[in-house]
PDB file of N, CA and C in Angstrom:
ATOM      1  N   MET A   1      63.177  95.978  96.443  1.00  0.00           N
ATOM      2  CA  MET A   1      63.702  95.105  97.909  1.00  0.00           C
ATOM      3  C   MET A   1      62.641  93.674  97.706  1.00  0.00           C
ATOM      4  N   LYS A   2      63.382  92.725  97.949  1.00  0.00           N
ATOM      5  CA  LYS A   2      61.763  91.382  98.517  1.00  0.00           C
ATOM      6  C   LYS A   2      61.882  91.606  99.736  1.00  0.00           C
ATOM      7  N   SER A   3      60.504  91.364  99.839  1.00  0.00           N
ATOM      8  CA  SER A   3      59.998  91.107 101.573  1.00  0.00           C
ATOM      9  C   SER A   3      60.668  89.894 101.858  1.00  0.00           C
ATOM     10  N   GLU A   4      61.161  89.534 103.484  1.00  0.00           N
ATOM     11  CA  GLU A   4      60.981  88.973 104.327  1.00  0.00           C
ATOM     12  C   GLU A   4      62.307  87.975 103.947  1.00  0.00           C
ATOM     13  N   ILE A   5      63.111  88.517 102.379  1.00  0.00           N
ATOM     14  CA  ILE A   5      64.581  87.585 102.929  1.00  0.00           C
ATOM     15  C   ILE A   5      66.156  88.849 103.250  1.00  0.00           C
ATOM     16  N   HIS A   6      65.701  89.788 103.911  1.00  0.00           N
ATOM     17  CA  HIS A   6      66.909  91.025 104.616  1.00  0.00           C
ATOM     18  C   HIS A   6      66.089  90.970 105.850  1.00  0.00           C
ATOM     19  N   PRO A   7      67.806  90.956 106.281  1.00  0.00           N
ATOM     20  CA  PRO A   7      67.633  90.671 107.933  1.00  0.00           C
ATOM     21  C   PRO A   7      66.938  92.306 108.868  1.00  0.00           C
ATOM     22  N   ASP A   8      66.459  92.442 109.410  1.00  0.00           N
ATOM     23  CA  ASP A   8      65.756  93.462 110.242  1.00  0.00           C
ATOM     24  C   ASP A   8      67.014  94.731 110.459  1.00  0.00           C
ATOM     25  N   TYR A   9      66.600  96.278 110.036  1.00  0.00           N
ATOM     26  CA  TYR A   9      67.542  96.792 110.197  1.00  0.00           C
ATOM     27  C   TYR A   9      67.010  98.265 111.281  1.00  0.00           C
ATOM     28  N   ARG A  10      67.344  97.565 111.849  1.00  0.00           N
ATOM     29  CA  ARG A  10      66.996  98.349 113.181  1.00  0.00           C
ATOM     30  C   ARG A  10      67.854  99.188 114.276  1.00  0.00           C
ATOM     31  N   TYR A  11      67.576 100.055 115.273  1.00  0.00           N
ATOM     32  CA  TYR A  11      67.826 101.213 115.767  1.00  0.00           C
ATOM     33  C   TYR A  11      68.849 100.399 117.272  1.00  0.00           C
ATOM     34  N   VAL A  12      70.384 100.465 117.565  1.00  0.00           N
ATOM     35  CA  VAL A  12      71.133  99.302 118.578  1.00  0.00           C
ATOM     36  C   VAL A  12      72.061 100.921 119.292  1.00  0.00           C
ATOM     37  N   ILE A  13      72.068 100.376 120.369  1.00  0.00           N
ATOM     38  CA  ILE A  13      73.238 101.272 121.430  1.00  0.00           C
ATOM     39  C   ILE A  13      74.365 100.922 120.796  1.00  0.00           C
ATOM     40  N   PHE A  14      76.055 100.869 120.775  1.00  0.00           N
ATOM     41  CA  PHE A  14      76.575 100.532 120.751  1.00  0.00           C
ATOM     42  C   PHE A  14      77.792 100.832 121.461  1.00  0.00           C
ATOM     43  N   ASN A  15      78.328 100.112 122.625  1.00  0.00           N
ATOM     44  CA  ASN A  15      78.792 100.423 123.772  1.00  0.00           C
ATOM     45  C   ASN A  15      80.245 100.773 124.157  1.00  0.00           C
ATOM     46  N   ASP A  16      81.120 101.264 123.625  1.00  0.00           N
ATOM     47  CA  ASP A  16      82.534 101.316 123.608  1.00  0.00           C
ATOM     48  C   ASP A  16      83.458 101.114 125.367  1.00  0.00           C
ATOM     49  N   LEU A  17      83.710  99.590 125.378  1.00  0.00           N
ATOM     50  CA  LEU A  17      83.846  99.703 126.374  1.00  0.00           C
ATOM     51  C   LEU A  17      85.149 100.321 127.172  1.00  0.00           C
ATOM     52  N   ALA A  18      85.799 100.709 126.348  1.00  0.00           N
ATOM     53  CA  ALA A  18      87.447 101.560 126.919  1.00  0.00           C
ATOM     54  C   ALA A  18      87.253 102.677 126.990  1.00  0.00           C
ATOM     55  N   SER A  19      86.105 103.296 126.646  1.00  0.00           N
ATOM     56  CA  SER A  19      85.642 105.209 126.705  1.00  0.00           C
ATOM     57  C   SER A  19      84.302 105.265 127.097  1.00  0.00           C
ATOM     58  N   GLY A  20      83.537 104.527 127.700  1.00  0.00           N
ATOM     59  CA  GLY A  20      81.825 104.406 127.654  1.00  0.00           C
ATOM     60  C   GLY A  20      81.596 105.318 127.054  1.00  0.00           C
ATOM     61  N   GLU A  21      81.530 105.659 126.412  1.00  0.00           N
ATOM     62  CA  GLU A  21      80.749 106.368 124.685  1.00  0.00           C
ATOM     63  C   GLU A  21      79.691 105.179 124.320  1.00  0.00           C
ATOM     64  N   LYS A  22      78.943 105.751 124.247  1.00  0.00           N
ATOM     65  CA  LYS A  22      77.487 105.013 123.626  1.00  0.00           C
ATOM     66  C   LYS A  22      77.118 106.014 122.453  1.00  0.00           C
ATOM     67  N   ILE A  23      77.077 104.859 121.243  1.00  0.00           N
ATOM     68  CA  ILE A  23      76.543 105.564 120.388  1.00  0.00           C
ATOM     69  C   ILE A  23      75.195 105.235 119.596  1.00  0.00           C
ATOM     70  N   LEU A  24      73.958 105.633 119.054  1.00  0.00           N
ATOM     71  CA  LEU A  24      72.931 104.926 118.568  1.00  0.00           C
ATOM     72  C   LEU A  24      73.124 105.495 117.453  1.00  0.00           C
ATOM     73  N   THR A  25      72.973 104.236 116.434  1.00  0.00           N
ATOM     74  CA  THR A  25      72.729 103.753 114.791  1.00  0.00           C
ATOM     75  C   THR A  25      71.970 102.893 115.137  1.00  0.00           C
ATOM     76  N   ARG A  26      72.146 102.502 113.128  1.00  0.00           N
ATOM     77  CA  ARG A  26      71.219 101.317 112.743  1.00  0.00           C
ATOM     78  C   ARG A  26      72.178 100.698 111.887  1.00  0.00           C
ATOM     79  N   THR A  27      71.682  99.299 112.720  1.00  0.00           N
ATOM     80  CA  THR A  27      72.229  98.011 112.221  1.00  0.00           C
ATOM     81  C   THR A  27      71.190  97.274 112.149  1.00  0.00           C
ATOM     82  N   THR A  28      72.028  95.394 111.410  1.00  0.00           N
ATOM     83  CA  THR A  28      71.301  94.483 111.405  1.00  0.00           C
ATOM     84  C   THR A  28      72.168  93.842 112.508  1.00  0.00           C
ATOM     85  N   ALA A  29      72.712  93.873 112.772  1.00  0.00           N
ATOM     86  CA  ALA A  29      72.949  93.308 114.344  1.00  0.00           C
ATOM     87  C   ALA A  29      72.233  93.332 115.511  1.00  0.00           C
ATOM     88  N   ASN A  30      71.895  92.227 116.354  1.00  0.00           N
ATOM     89  CA  ASN A  30      71.017  92.502 117.445  1.00  0.00           C
ATOM     90  C   ASN A  30      71.849  91.587 118.612  1.00  0.00           C
ATOM     91  N   SER A  31      71.204  92.118 119.844  1.00  0.00           N
ATOM     92  CA  SER A  31      71.289  91.878 121.031  1.00  0.00           C
ATOM     93  C   SER A  31      70.552  91.354 122.235  1.00  0.00           C
ATOM     94  N   GLN A  32      70.556  90.559 123.057  1.00  0.00           N
ATOM     95  CA  GLN A  32      69.268  90.537 123.770  1.00  0.00           C
ATOM     96  C   GLN A  32      69.879  91.264 125.300  1.00  0.00           C
ATOM     97  N   LYS A  33      70.817  92.154 125.212  1.00  0.00           N
ATOM     98  CA  LYS A  33      71.090  93.020 125.951  1.00  0.00           C
ATOM     99  C   LYS A  33      70.266  94.121 125.418  1.00  0.00           C
ATOM    100  N   THR A  34      69.781  95.334 126.532  1.00  0.00           N
ATOM    101  CA  THR A  34      69.144  96.233 126.090  1.00  0.00           C
ATOM    102  C   THR A  34      69.212  97.418 127.531  1.00  0.00           C
ATOM    103  N   ALA A  35      69.016  98.473 126.894  1.00  0.00           N
ATOM    104  CA  ALA A  35      69.404  99.978 127.703  1.00  0.00           C
ATOM    105  C   ALA A  35      68.315 100.875 127.083  1.00  0.00           C
ATOM    106  N   GLU A  36      68.051 101.857 128.008  1.00  0.00           N
ATOM    107  CA  GLU A  36      67.623 102.681 128.127  1.00  0.00           C
ATOM    108  C   GLU A  36      68.572 104.177 127.287  1.00  0.00           C
ATOM    109  N   TRP A  37      67.569 105.064 126.423  1.00  0.00           N
ATOM    110  CA  TRP A  37      68.672 105.879 125.486  1.00  0.00           C
ATOM    111  C   TRP A  37      67.851 107.299 126.073  1.00  0.00           C
ATOM    112  N   GLU A  38      68.429 107.549 125.352  1.00  0.00           N
ATOM    113  CA  GLU A  38      68.154 109.714 125.773  1.00  0.00           C
ATOM    114  C   GLU A  38      66.595 110.116 125.773  1.00  0.00           C
ATOM    115  N   ASP A  39      66.195 109.330 124.592  1.00  0.00           N
ATOM    116  CA  ASP A  39      65.326 109.960 124.001  1.00  0.00           C
ATOM    117  C   ASP A  39      63.652 108.996 125.324  1.00  0.00           C
ATOM    118  N   GLY A  40      64.150 108.089 125.683  1.00  0.00           N
ATOM    119  CA  GLY A  40      63.420 107.615 126.529  1.00  0.00           C
ATOM    120  C   GLY A  40      62.724 105.891 125.999  1.00  0.00           C
ATOM    121  N   ASN A  41      63.298 105.464 124.762  1.00  0.00           N
ATOM    122  CA  ASN A  41      62.806 104.757 124.362  1.00  0.00           C
ATOM    123  C   ASN A  41      64.350 103.303 124.780  1.00  0.00           C
ATOM    124  N   THR A  42      63.769 101.771 124.478  1.00  0.00           N
ATOM    125  CA  THR A  42      65.038 101.053 125.157  1.00  0.00           C
ATOM    126  C   THR A  42      65.363 100.075 123.665  1.00  0.00           C
ATOM    127  N   TYR A  43      66.732 100.499 124.100  1.00  0.00           N
ATOM    128  CA  TYR A  43      67.068  99.735 122.473  1.00  0.00           C
ATOM    129  C   TYR A  43      68.017  98.582 123.208  1.00  0.00           C
ATOM    130  N   PRO A  44      68.167  97.924 121.847  1.00  0.00           N
ATOM    131  CA  PRO A  44      69.538  96.734 122.199  1.00  0.00           C
ATOM    132  C   PRO A  44      70.810  96.928 122.210  1.00  0.00           C
ATOM    133  N   VAL A  45      71.530  96.607 122.881  1.00  0.00           N
ATOM    134  CA  VAL A  45      73.024  97.069 123.368  1.00  0.00           C
ATOM    135  C   VAL A  45      73.975  95.937 122.863  1.00  0.00           C
ATOM    136  N   ILE A  46      75.164  96.547 121.853  1.00  0.00           N
ATOM    137  CA  ILE A  46      76.181  95.670 121.365  1.00  0.00           C
ATOM    138  C   ILE A  46      77.578  96.361 122.118  1.00  0.00           C
ATOM    139  N   ASP A  47      78.392  95.876 123.123  1.00  0.00           N
ATOM    140  CA  ASP A  47      79.317  96.181 123.916  1.00  0.00           C
ATOM    141  C   ASP A  47      80.809  95.906 122.239  1.00  0.00           C
ATOM    142  N   VAL A  48      81.559  96.950 122.803  1.00  0.00           N
ATOM    143  CA  VAL A  48      82.711  96.689 121.402  1.00  0.00           C
ATOM    144  C   VAL A  48      84.013  96.999 122.136  1.00  0.00           C
ATOM    145  N   GLU A  49      84.817  96.536 121.989  1.00  0.00           N
ATOM    146  CA  GLU A  49      85.837  96.460 122.847  1.00  0.00           C
ATOM    147  C   GLU A  49      86.796  97.809 122.503  1.00  0.00           C
ATOM    148  N   ILE A  50      86.960  98.694 121.270  1.00  0.00           N
ATOM    149  CA  ILE A  50      86.999  99.525 120.876  1.00  0.00           C
ATOM    150  C   ILE A  50      86.319  99.997 119.869  1.00  0.00           C
ATOM    151  N   SER A  51      86.813 102.172 119.714  1.00  0.00           N
ATOM    152  CA  SER A  51      85.816 102.726 118.812  1.00  0.00           C
ATOM    153  C   SER A  51      86.430 103.481 118.230  1.00  0.00           C
ATOM    154  N   ALA A  52      85.993 103.918 117.395  1.00  0.00           N
ATOM    155  CA  ALA A  52      86.973 105.559 117.092  1.00  0.00           C
ATOM    156  C   ALA A  52      86.863 106.635 118.474  1.00  0.00           C
ATOM    157  N   ALA A  53      86.230 106.622 119.398  1.00  0.00           N
ATOM    158  CA  ALA A  53      86.718 106.988 120.951  1.00  0.00           C
ATOM    159  C   ALA A  53      87.321 106.599 121.694  1.00  0.00           C
ATOM    160  N   SER A  54      87.702 105.785 121.352  1.00  0.00           N
ATOM    161  CA  SER A  54      89.250 105.101 122.171  1.00  0.00           C
ATOM    162  C   SER A  54      90.163 104.600 121.816  1.00  0.00           C
ATOM    163  N   HIS A  55      89.970 104.922 120.366  1.00  0.00           N
ATOM    164  CA  HIS A  55      91.057 103.991 119.532  1.00  0.00           C
ATOM    165  C   HIS A  55      91.926 105.367 119.155  1.00  0.00           C
ATOM    166  N   PRO A  56      93.320 104.565 119.561  1.00  0.00           N
ATOM    167  CA  PRO A  56      94.531 105.558 119.284  1.00  0.00           C
ATOM    168  C   PRO A  56      95.081 106.379 118.591  1.00  0.00           C
ATOM    169  N   PHE A  57      94.433 105.718 116.753  1.00  0.00           N
ATOM    170  CA  PHE A  57      94.879 106.540 115.969  1.00  0.00           C
ATOM    171  C   PHE A  57      93.957 107.582 115.865  1.00  0.00           C
ATOM    172  N   TYR A  58      92.553 107.443 116.418  1.00  0.00           N
ATOM    173  CA  TYR A  58      91.486 108.135 116.138  1.00  0.00           C
ATOM    174  C   TYR A  58      91.827 109.863 117.247  1.00  0.00           C
ATOM    175  N   THR A  59      92.211 108.790 118.412  1.00  0.00           N
ATOM    176  CA  THR A  59      92.311 109.834 119.460  1.00  0.00           C
ATOM    177  C   THR A  59      93.233 110.838 119.946  1.00  0.00           C
ATOM    178  N   GLY A  60      94.512 110.225 118.556  1.00  0.00           N
ATOM    179  CA  GLY A  60      95.687 111.447 118.603  1.00  0.00           C
ATOM    180  C   GLY A  60      96.956 111.201 119.989  1.00  0.00           C
ATOM    181  N   LYS A  61      96.169 109.951 120.560  1.00  0.00           N
ATOM    182  CA  LYS A  61      97.171 109.569 121.638  1.00  0.00           C
ATOM    183  C   LYS A  61      97.894 108.307 120.983  1.00  0.00           C
ATOM    184  N   GLN A  62      98.416 108.000 120.487  1.00  0.00           N
ATOM    185  CA  GLN A  62      99.121 107.234 119.522  1.00  0.00           C
ATOM    186  C   GLN A  62     100.428 106.875 119.963  1.00  0.00           C
ATOM    187  N   ARG A  63     101.215 105.905 120.328  1.00  0.00           N
ATOM    188  CA  ARG A  63     102.631 106.020 120.528  1.00  0.00           C
ATOM    189  C   ARG A  63     103.360 106.470 119.732  1.00  0.00           C
ATOM    190  N   ILE A  64     104.873 106.629 119.905  1.00  0.00           N
ATOM    191  CA  ILE A  64     105.924 106.748 118.264  1.00  0.00           C
ATOM    192  C   ILE A  64     106.739 105.422 118.683  1.00  0.00           C
ATOM    193  N   MET A  65     106.811 104.520 117.752  1.00  0.00           N
ATOM    194  CA  MET A  65     107.822 103.168 117.790  1.00  0.00           C
ATOM    195  C   MET A  65     109.196 104.000 118.009  1.00  0.00           C
ATOM    196  N   ASP A  66     109.831 103.739 118.637  1.00  0.00           N
ATOM    197  CA  ASP A  66     111.444 103.722 118.662  1.00  0.00           C
ATOM    198  C   ASP A  66     111.888 102.467 117.453  1.00  0.00           C
ATOM    199  N   THR A  67     111.691 102.837 116.309  1.00  0.00           N
ATOM    200  CA  THR A  67     112.578 101.838 115.459  1.00  0.00           C
ATOM    201  C   THR A  67     113.953 101.234 115.705  1.00  0.00           C
ATOM    202  N   ALA A  68     114.342 103.113 115.168  1.00  0.00           N
ATOM    203  CA  ALA A  68     116.018 102.802 115.564  1.00  0.00           C
ATOM    204  C   ALA A  68     116.608 102.098 116.982  1.00  0.00           C
ATOM    205  N   GLY A  69     115.891 102.648 118.027  1.00  0.00           N
ATOM    206  CA  GLY A  69     116.503 101.445 118.950  1.00  0.00           C
ATOM    207  C   GLY A  69     116.084 100.120 119.062  1.00  0.00           C
ATOM    208  N   ARG A  70     115.136  99.759 118.266  1.00  0.00           N
ATOM    209  CA  ARG A  70     114.630  98.265 118.339  1.00  0.00           C
ATOM    210  C   ARG A  70     115.866  97.737 117.355  1.00  0.00           C
ATOM    211  N   VAL A  71     116.517  98.093 116.163  1.00  0.00           N
ATOM    212  CA  VAL A  71     116.884  97.701 115.212  1.00  0.00           C
ATOM    213  C   VAL A  71     118.572  97.542 115.511  1.00  0.00           C
ATOM    214  N   GLU A  72     118.964  98.378 116.675  1.00  0.00           N
ATOM    215  CA  GLU A  72     120.202  98.514 117.265  1.00  0.00           C
ATOM    216  C   GLU A  72     120.377  97.288 118.017  1.00  0.00           C
ATOM    217  N   ARG A  73     119.325  97.124 118.816  1.00  0.00           N
ATOM    218  CA  ARG A  73     119.495  96.129 119.974  1.00  0.00           C
ATOM    219  C   ARG A  73     119.181  95.098 119.276  1.00  0.00           C
ATOM    220  N   PHE A  74     118.591  94.612 118.152  1.00  0.00           N
ATOM    221  CA  PHE A  74     118.296  93.132 117.600  1.00  0.00           C
ATOM    222  C   PHE A  74     120.076  93.548 116.944  1.00  0.00           C
ATOM    223  N   ASN A  75     120.160  94.137 116.595  1.00  0.00           N
ATOM    224  CA  ASN A  75     121.271  93.894 115.715  1.00  0.00           C
ATOM    225  C   ASN A  75     122.749  93.425 116.703  1.00  0.00           C
ATOM    226  N   ALA A  76     122.936  94.440 118.032  1.00  0.00           N
ATOM    227  CA  ALA A  76     123.664  93.353 119.057  1.00  0.00           C
ATOM    228  C   ALA A  76     123.171  92.545 119.656  1.00  0.00           C
ATOM    229  N   ARG A  77     121.957  91.734 119.882  1.00  0.00           N
ATOM    230  CA  ARG A  77     122.068  90.572 119.938  1.00  0.00           C
ATOM    231  C   ARG A  77     121.963  89.439 119.466  1.00  0.00           C
ATOM    232  N   PHE A  78     121.804  89.730 118.272  1.00  0.00           N
ATOM    233  CA  PHE A  78     121.812  88.417 117.125  1.00  0.00           C
ATOM    234  C   PHE A  78     123.347  89.007 116.518  1.00  0.00           C
ATOM    235  N   LYS A  79     124.324  89.675 116.853  1.00  0.00           N
ATOM    236  CA  LYS A  79     125.493  90.129 116.286  1.00  0.00           C
ATOM    237  C   LYS A  79     126.314  88.878 115.405  1.00  0.00           C
ATOM    238  N   GLY A  80     126.770  87.652 116.294  1.00  0.00           N
ATOM    239  CA  GLY A  80     127.834  86.627 116.052  1.00  0.00           C
ATOM    240  C   GLY A  80     127.290  85.383 115.467  1.00  0.00           C
ATOM    241  N   PHE A  81     125.511  85.228 115.573  1.00  0.00           N
ATOM    242  CA  PHE A  81     124.706  84.428 114.957  1.00  0.00           C
ATOM    243  C   PHE A  81     124.489  84.227 113.870  1.00  0.00           C
ATOM    244  N   GLY A  82     124.484  83.546 113.567  1.00  0.00           N
ATOM    245  CA  GLY A  82     124.999  82.203 112.192  1.00  0.00           C
ATOM    246  C   GLY A  82     125.687  82.948 110.968  1.00  0.00           C
ATOM    247  N   GLY A  83     126.894  82.897 111.578  1.00  0.00           N
ATOM    248  CA  GLY A  83     128.100  83.556 111.107  1.00  0.00           C
ATOM    249  C   GLY A  83     128.869  82.092 110.756  1.00  0.00           C
ATOM    250  N   SER A  84     130.283  82.250 109.688  1.00  0.00           N
ATOM    251  CA  SER A  84     130.541  81.027 109.210  1.00  0.00           C
ATOM    252  C   SER A  84     131.489  80.839 110.365  1.00  0.00           C
ATOM    253  N   LYS A  85     131.882  79.215 109.970  1.00  0.00           N
ATOM    254  CA  LYS A  85     132.045  78.389 110.922  1.00  0.00           C
ATOM    255  C   LYS A  85     133.423  78.070 110.750  1.00  0.00           C
TER     256      LYS A  85
END
């Protein structure tokens, strides 16, 4: 790789705001906010709204939508709409 044309690849803490879980990983993203990690070192922190730790698809807590009930309600609501005059 050519030197000085790529962004710095550094350790960063990703903080999941929904679950409170913190993950130390490497990225090119940076932040002014810092925190101390379990190893005693200080790293930049990037807050994320949702991650695999809190997303319903990954946690298995997803809601199953009642599509049949929604279709029936839609049809009942718009039963006479757009009919011929």
